[in-house]
Amino acid sequence: MKNLVDNVVTELNQILLGKERQVRLALCGLLASGHLLIEDIPGMGKTTLSHALAKVMGLSYQRIQFTNDLLPADVLGYSMYDKQAGSLVFHQGPIFAQVILADEINRASPRTQSALLEAMEERQVSIEGETRPLPHPFFVIATQNPTEQGGTYPLPESQLDRFLMRIRLGYPDPRAERELLEGEDRRILTDRLATLLTETDLEKLQEQVTRVTASPALLDYIQRLLDQSRRMPGLLYGLSPRAGLGLLRATKAWALMQGRQHALPDDIQAVFPSIAEHRLEQGESGKSAERVRQLLASVSVLE
């Protein structure tokens, strides 16, 4: 399976140049059955990454442009009276796809943002008193602009905690940027991407993630990180139990991507910043990265 994962990463690297680590983290989130938040300024390739992931995985894809006038029904769907049927007929919203790009999610009102909460946690939506299951697999990739930019609504903690990971793409290095300037349009290249996985392949990989072993000592290390986060000065609260479970899943997924059936402390440290930073920011932009570094430095691997 490692060769299959490496092939997927190689294919995606043709589109997102010079960002292999971010590509691997995004793929790790999908294998861990989580959701991904990409925060960066406009034009950095956030939309391109989400579309390329769906294409390589062979998954259905819908992009929802979040704006301040977007309503929950525009996301979830609505019922309309059908004269021929003589009854109300439900029209599915774009949420009924396997990969959802919630583009610029923090430009929508909190009411519309909350429409995703049940979908992300339960893989279902409740509309007009009826519960409707979402496709499987179901993966939300949300992009957001930095909160310092105008016209944004900060995501509430309950929403942030449902994203397994947050990554930032950043500016390309000079060599990668030159390739971008000299190369073809990224949208054209994305359309040409080969589909390397089937739904069955993805399900098998996600199932294998659950079988990766984590020793009691490794679980102790995770617990120490969680506990220390709840003792850090300047924070109202630390990492939640949901964050701990997500960290374990992502650790196992990262180990599987390295071709191992057992997780190591190195796997925890590889994924921990992307899992912890957005949960430890708590209104103080830019401080969470330093908090994560302090956490990793202050908690010993073995005790």
Protein backbone atom coordinates (compact mmCIF):
# COMPACT_ATOMS: atom_id res chain seq x y z
CA MET A 1 0.00 0.00 0.00
CA LYS A 2 2.96 2.35 0.54
CA ASN A 3 3.66 2.29 -3.21
CA LEU A 4 0.03 3.19 -3.90
CA VAL A 5 0.18 6.12 -1.47
CA ASP A 6 3.50 7.30 -2.95
CA ASN A 7 1.99 7.20 -6.44
CA VAL A 8 -0.91 9.37 -5.26
CA VAL A 9 1.50 11.88 -3.69
CA THR A 10 3.63 11.95 -6.87
CA GLU A 11 0.55 12.62 -9.00
CA LEU A 12 -0.61 15.46 -6.72
CA ASN A 13 2.88 16.97 -6.64
CA GLN A 14 2.58 17.61 -10.38
CA ILE A 15 -0.16 20.10 -9.58
CA LEU A 16 0.93 21.59 -6.26
CA LEU A 17 4.61 22.20 -6.81
CA GLY A 18 7.04 22.19 -3.89
CA LYS A 19 4.40 21.32 -1.29
CA GLU A 20 4.95 17.60 -0.70
CA ARG A 21 4.60 17.80 3.08
CA GLN A 22 1.27 19.65 2.85
CA VAL A 23 0.07 17.16 0.23
CA ARG A 24 1.01 14.25 2.51
CA LEU A 25 -0.77 15.84 5.47
CA ALA A 26 -3.92 16.37 3.39
CA LEU A 27 -3.83 12.74 2.25
CA CYS A 28 -3.19 11.64 5.84
CA GLY A 29 -6.34 13.47 6.93
CA LEU A 30 -8.40 11.66 4.31
CA LEU A 31 -7.01 8.25 5.27
CA ALA A 32 -7.77 9.07 8.91
CA SER A 33 -11.41 9.80 7.94
CA GLY A 34 -11.11 13.42 9.03
CA HIS A 35 -11.80 16.86 7.62
CA LEU A 36 -9.23 19.42 6.50
CA LEU A 37 -9.01 23.18 7.00
CA ILE A 38 -6.63 25.12 4.74
CA GLU A 39 -5.89 28.66 5.88
CA ASP A 40 -3.98 31.04 3.66
CA ILE A 41 -4.29 34.21 1.66
CA PRO A 42 -6.17 33.99 -1.68
CA GLY A 43 -4.35 32.52 -4.67
CA MET A 44 -2.12 30.01 -2.90
CA GLY A 45 -3.62 26.82 -4.43
CA LYS A 46 -6.16 25.84 -1.77
CA THR A 47 -8.92 25.14 -4.29
CA THR A 48 -6.50 23.39 -6.63
CA LEU A 49 -5.39 20.98 -3.90
CA SER A 50 -8.95 20.01 -2.97
CA HIS A 51 -9.99 19.43 -6.59
CA ALA A 52 -6.83 17.43 -7.32
CA LEU A 53 -7.40 15.20 -4.28
CA ALA A 54 -10.93 14.38 -5.39
CA LYS A 55 -9.78 13.68 -8.95
CA VAL A 56 -6.96 11.32 -7.96
CA MET A 57 -9.25 9.51 -5.51
CA GLY A 58 -12.05 9.16 -8.04
CA LEU A 59 -14.55 10.81 -5.68
CA SER A 60 -17.51 13.03 -6.50
CA TYR A 61 -16.72 16.69 -5.86
CA GLN A 62 -18.71 19.83 -5.14
CA ARG A 63 -17.44 23.34 -4.53
CA ILE A 64 -19.55 25.67 -2.38
CA GLN A 65 -18.57 29.32 -2.47
CA PHE A 66 -19.34 30.68 1.00
CA THR A 67 -20.54 34.29 1.00
CA ASN A 68 -22.25 36.47 3.59
CA ASP A 69 -25.66 35.94 1.94
CA LEU A 70 -25.41 32.14 1.66
CA LEU A 71 -28.24 30.34 3.50
CA PRO A 72 -28.21 26.87 5.11
CA ALA A 73 -30.71 25.65 2.47
CA ASP A 74 -28.20 26.61 -0.23
CA VAL A 75 -25.84 24.06 1.32
CA LEU A 76 -28.15 21.30 2.55
CA GLY A 77 -31.04 21.43 0.09
CA TYR A 78 -34.73 22.27 0.25
CA SER A 79 -38.21 20.89 -0.51
CA MET A 80 -40.37 22.34 -3.27
CA TYR A 81 -43.94 21.52 -4.23
CA ASP A 82 -44.13 19.42 -7.40
CA LYS A 83 -47.42 19.77 -9.28
CA GLN A 84 -47.03 16.47 -11.13
CA ALA A 85 -46.22 14.52 -7.97
CA GLY A 86 -48.77 16.44 -5.95
CA SER A 87 -46.37 16.65 -3.02
CA LEU A 88 -43.20 18.22 -1.76
CA VAL A 89 -40.05 16.94 -3.48
CA PHE A 90 -36.66 17.30 -1.86
CA HIS A 91 -33.86 18.82 -3.93
CA GLN A 92 -30.41 17.86 -2.67
CA GLY A 93 -27.93 20.59 -1.94
CA PRO A 94 -24.25 20.41 -2.88
CA ILE A 95 -23.46 18.83 0.51
CA PHE A 96 -24.43 15.46 -1.02
CA ALA A 97 -21.02 14.72 -2.54
CA GLN A 98 -18.02 12.76 -1.31
CA VAL A 99 -15.58 15.68 -1.29
CA ILE A 100 -16.95 19.10 -0.38
CA LEU A 101 -14.89 22.23 -0.87
CA ALA A 102 -16.28 24.85 1.50
CA ASP A 103 -14.48 27.74 -0.14
CA GLU A 104 -13.78 30.77 2.08
CA ILE A 105 -15.93 29.28 4.82
CA ASN A 106 -15.32 32.17 7.20
CA ARG A 107 -17.01 34.64 4.83
CA ALA A 108 -20.41 33.06 5.58
CA SER A 109 -22.52 33.93 8.61
CA PRO A 110 -22.26 31.74 11.74
CA ARG A 111 -25.76 30.41 10.98
CA THR A 112 -24.63 29.06 7.61
CA GLN A 113 -21.34 27.78 9.00
CA SER A 114 -23.30 25.75 11.56
CA ALA A 115 -25.09 23.92 8.73
CA LEU A 116 -21.93 21.83 8.38
CA LEU A 117 -21.67 20.77 12.02
CA GLU A 118 -23.93 17.70 11.90
CA ALA A 119 -22.65 16.74 8.44
CA MET A 120 -19.03 16.73 9.59
CA GLU A 121 -19.63 14.84 12.82
CA GLU A 122 -22.43 12.41 11.97
CA ARG A 123 -22.06 12.08 8.17
CA GLN A 124 -25.75 12.93 7.88
CA VAL A 125 -27.99 15.99 7.75
CA SER A 126 -31.38 16.64 9.35
CA ILE A 127 -33.64 18.62 7.06
CA GLU A 128 -37.30 19.39 7.76
CA GLY A 129 -37.49 16.69 10.40
CA GLU A 130 -35.94 13.96 8.25
CA THR A 131 -32.43 12.55 8.59
CA ARG A 132 -30.64 11.98 5.30
CA PRO A 133 -27.33 10.07 5.11
CA LEU A 134 -24.43 11.57 3.19
CA PRO A 135 -22.27 9.67 0.69
CA HIS A 136 -19.40 7.53 1.90
CA PRO A 137 -16.62 8.47 2.14
CA PHE A 138 -17.44 12.05 3.13
CA PHE A 139 -14.63 14.56 3.36
CA VAL A 140 -14.92 18.33 3.92
CA ILE A 141 -12.05 20.54 2.81
CA ALA A 142 -12.67 24.10 3.96
CA THR A 143 -10.56 27.07 3.02
CA GLN A 144 -10.45 30.25 5.01
CA ASN A 145 -8.75 33.58 4.64
CA PRO A 146 -6.72 34.93 7.55
CA THR A 147 -9.07 36.48 10.13
CA GLU A 148 -7.21 39.78 9.79
CA GLN A 149 -8.76 40.20 6.33
CA GLY A 150 -12.02 42.11 6.06
CA GLY A 151 -15.45 40.50 5.75
CA THR A 152 -14.67 37.35 7.74
CA TYR A 153 -16.48 35.67 10.63
CA PRO A 154 -14.17 33.70 12.94
CA LEU A 155 -15.02 30.01 13.06
CA PRO A 156 -16.41 29.03 16.48
CA GLU A 157 -14.47 26.53 18.58
CA SER A 158 -17.14 23.86 18.03
CA GLN A 159 -16.56 24.12 14.28
CA LEU A 160 -12.76 24.26 14.50
CA ASP A 161 -12.68 21.13 16.66
CA ARG A 162 -14.43 19.16 13.92
CA PHE A 163 -11.54 19.73 11.54
CA LEU A 164 -8.98 17.03 12.12
CA MET A 165 -6.18 19.12 10.61
CA ARG A 166 -5.33 22.65 9.57
CA ILE A 167 -2.55 23.27 7.09
CA ARG A 168 -1.07 26.36 5.46
CA LEU A 169 0.40 26.17 1.96
CA GLY A 170 2.55 29.30 1.99
CA TYR A 171 4.37 30.89 -0.92
CA PRO A 172 6.17 28.56 -3.35
CA ASP A 173 9.95 28.56 -3.40
CA PRO A 174 11.60 30.32 -6.41
CA ARG A 175 12.14 27.11 -8.36
CA ALA A 176 8.54 25.94 -7.95
CA GLU A 177 7.20 29.39 -8.78
CA ARG A 178 9.26 29.47 -11.98
CA GLU A 179 7.76 26.11 -12.97
CA LEU A 180 4.30 27.55 -12.32
CA LEU A 181 5.04 30.54 -14.53
CA GLU A 182 6.44 28.42 -17.35
CA GLY A 183 3.92 25.59 -17.09
CA GLU A 184 0.33 25.08 -18.17
CA ASP A 185 -2.74 26.32 -16.34
CA ARG A 186 -3.24 24.32 -13.14
CA ARG A 187 -6.93 23.76 -13.92
CA ILE A 188 -6.09 22.12 -17.23
CA LEU A 189 -3.45 19.93 -15.57
CA THR A 190 -5.90 18.96 -12.80
CA ASP A 191 -8.43 17.76 -15.38
CA ARG A 192 -5.73 15.50 -16.84
CA LEU A 193 -4.84 13.87 -13.53
CA ALA A 194 -5.12 10.11 -13.48
CA THR A 195 -7.57 8.46 -11.09
CA LEU A 196 -5.32 6.16 -9.07
CA LEU A 197 -7.73 4.90 -6.41
CA THR A 198 -11.21 3.47 -6.37
CA GLU A 199 -13.68 3.84 -3.52
CA THR A 200 -12.86 0.25 -2.58
CA ASP A 201 -9.12 1.04 -2.46
CA LEU A 202 -9.77 4.04 -0.23
CA GLU A 203 -12.00 2.04 2.10
CA LYS A 204 -9.31 -0.63 2.38
CA LEU A 205 -6.70 1.99 3.25
CA GLN A 206 -8.96 3.58 5.86
CA GLU A 207 -9.64 0.14 7.31
CA GLN A 208 -5.90 -0.60 7.44
CA VAL A 209 -5.39 2.64 9.40
CA THR A 210 -7.56 1.25 12.20
CA ARG A 211 -5.39 -1.89 12.32
CA VAL A 212 -2.10 -0.03 12.82
CA THR A 213 -0.95 -0.84 16.36
CA ALA A 214 -0.22 1.77 19.00
CA SER A 215 1.69 0.56 22.06
CA PRO A 216 0.64 1.50 25.61
CA ALA A 217 3.77 3.69 25.83
CA LEU A 218 2.65 5.58 22.72
CA LEU A 219 -0.82 6.11 24.18
CA ASP A 220 0.84 7.39 27.36
CA TYR A 221 2.74 9.93 25.25
CA ILE A 222 -0.49 11.13 23.63
CA GLN A 223 -2.14 11.45 27.04
CA ARG A 224 0.78 13.49 28.38
CA LEU A 225 0.51 15.86 25.43
CA LEU A 226 -3.24 16.28 26.00
CA ASP A 227 -2.80 16.79 29.72
CA GLN A 228 0.00 19.32 29.31
CA SER A 229 -2.09 21.32 26.82
CA ARG A 230 -4.75 21.69 29.51
CA ARG A 231 -2.21 23.11 31.94
CA MET A 232 -0.65 25.71 29.65
CA PRO A 233 -0.86 29.29 30.94
CA GLY A 234 -2.88 31.73 28.87
CA LEU A 235 -5.30 29.10 27.53
CA LEU A 236 -8.94 28.81 28.54
CA TYR A 237 -8.93 25.13 27.68
CA GLY A 238 -6.62 22.53 26.18
CA LEU A 239 -7.03 19.82 23.59
CA SER A 240 -10.35 17.99 23.69
CA PRO A 241 -10.87 14.21 23.83
CA ARG A 242 -12.00 14.48 20.19
CA ALA A 243 -8.62 16.02 19.38
CA GLY A 244 -6.89 13.13 21.16
CA LEU A 245 -8.82 10.54 19.17
CA GLY A 246 -8.08 12.44 15.96
CA LEU A 247 -4.39 12.61 16.85
CA LEU A 248 -4.30 8.84 17.29
CA ARG A 249 -6.05 8.22 13.95
CA ALA A 250 -3.77 10.63 12.12
CA THR A 251 -0.70 9.10 13.78
CA LYS A 252 -1.75 5.66 12.57
CA ALA A 253 -2.47 7.00 9.07
CA TRP A 254 0.97 8.64 8.91
CA ALA A 255 2.60 5.38 10.01
CA LEU A 256 0.72 3.47 7.31
CA MET A 257 1.87 6.01 4.72
CA GLN A 258 5.45 5.25 5.79
CA GLY A 259 4.82 1.56 5.16
CA ARG A 260 4.56 0.50 8.81
CA GLN A 261 1.88 -1.38 10.73
CA HIS A 262 2.92 0.15 14.06
CA ALA A 263 2.98 3.81 15.10
CA LEU A 264 6.02 5.58 16.52
CA PRO A 265 6.51 8.83 18.48
CA ASP A 266 7.95 10.33 15.25
CA ASP A 267 4.53 9.86 13.65
CA ILE A 268 2.86 11.79 16.47
CA GLN A 269 5.33 14.64 16.14
CA ALA A 270 4.86 14.74 12.36
CA VAL A 271 1.10 15.33 12.52
CA PHE A 272 0.74 17.05 15.91
CA PRO A 273 1.19 20.69 14.75
CA SER A 274 -1.50 20.39 12.08
CA ILE A 275 -3.91 18.87 14.61
CA ALA A 276 -3.18 21.13 17.59
CA GLU A 277 -2.47 24.62 16.26
CA HIS A 278 -6.00 25.62 15.25
CA ARG A 279 -7.37 24.27 18.53
CA LEU A 280 -4.88 26.21 20.65
CA GLU A 281 -5.10 29.55 18.87
CA GLN A 282 -8.12 30.76 20.88
CA GLY A 283 -8.31 34.24 19.41
CA GLU A 284 -4.59 34.96 19.47
CA SER A 285 -3.47 34.59 15.88
CA GLY A 286 0.14 33.54 15.42
CA LYS A 287 0.70 32.25 18.95
CA SER A 288 -0.47 28.68 18.48
CA ALA A 289 2.63 27.55 16.55
CA GLU A 290 4.85 28.59 19.46
CA ARG A 291 2.53 26.88 21.94
CA VAL A 292 2.78 23.65 19.96
CA ARG A 293 6.56 23.88 19.91
CA GLN A 294 6.55 24.39 23.69
CA LEU A 295 4.26 21.40 24.14
CA LEU A 296 6.43 19.06 22.10
CA ALA A 297 9.58 20.32 23.85
CA SER A 298 8.18 20.04 27.37
CA VAL A 299 6.61 16.56 27.12
CA SER A 300 9.05 13.65 27.09
CA VAL A 301 8.51 10.75 24.74
CA LEU A 302 9.22 8.21 27.48
CA GLU A 303 8.51 8.57 31.18
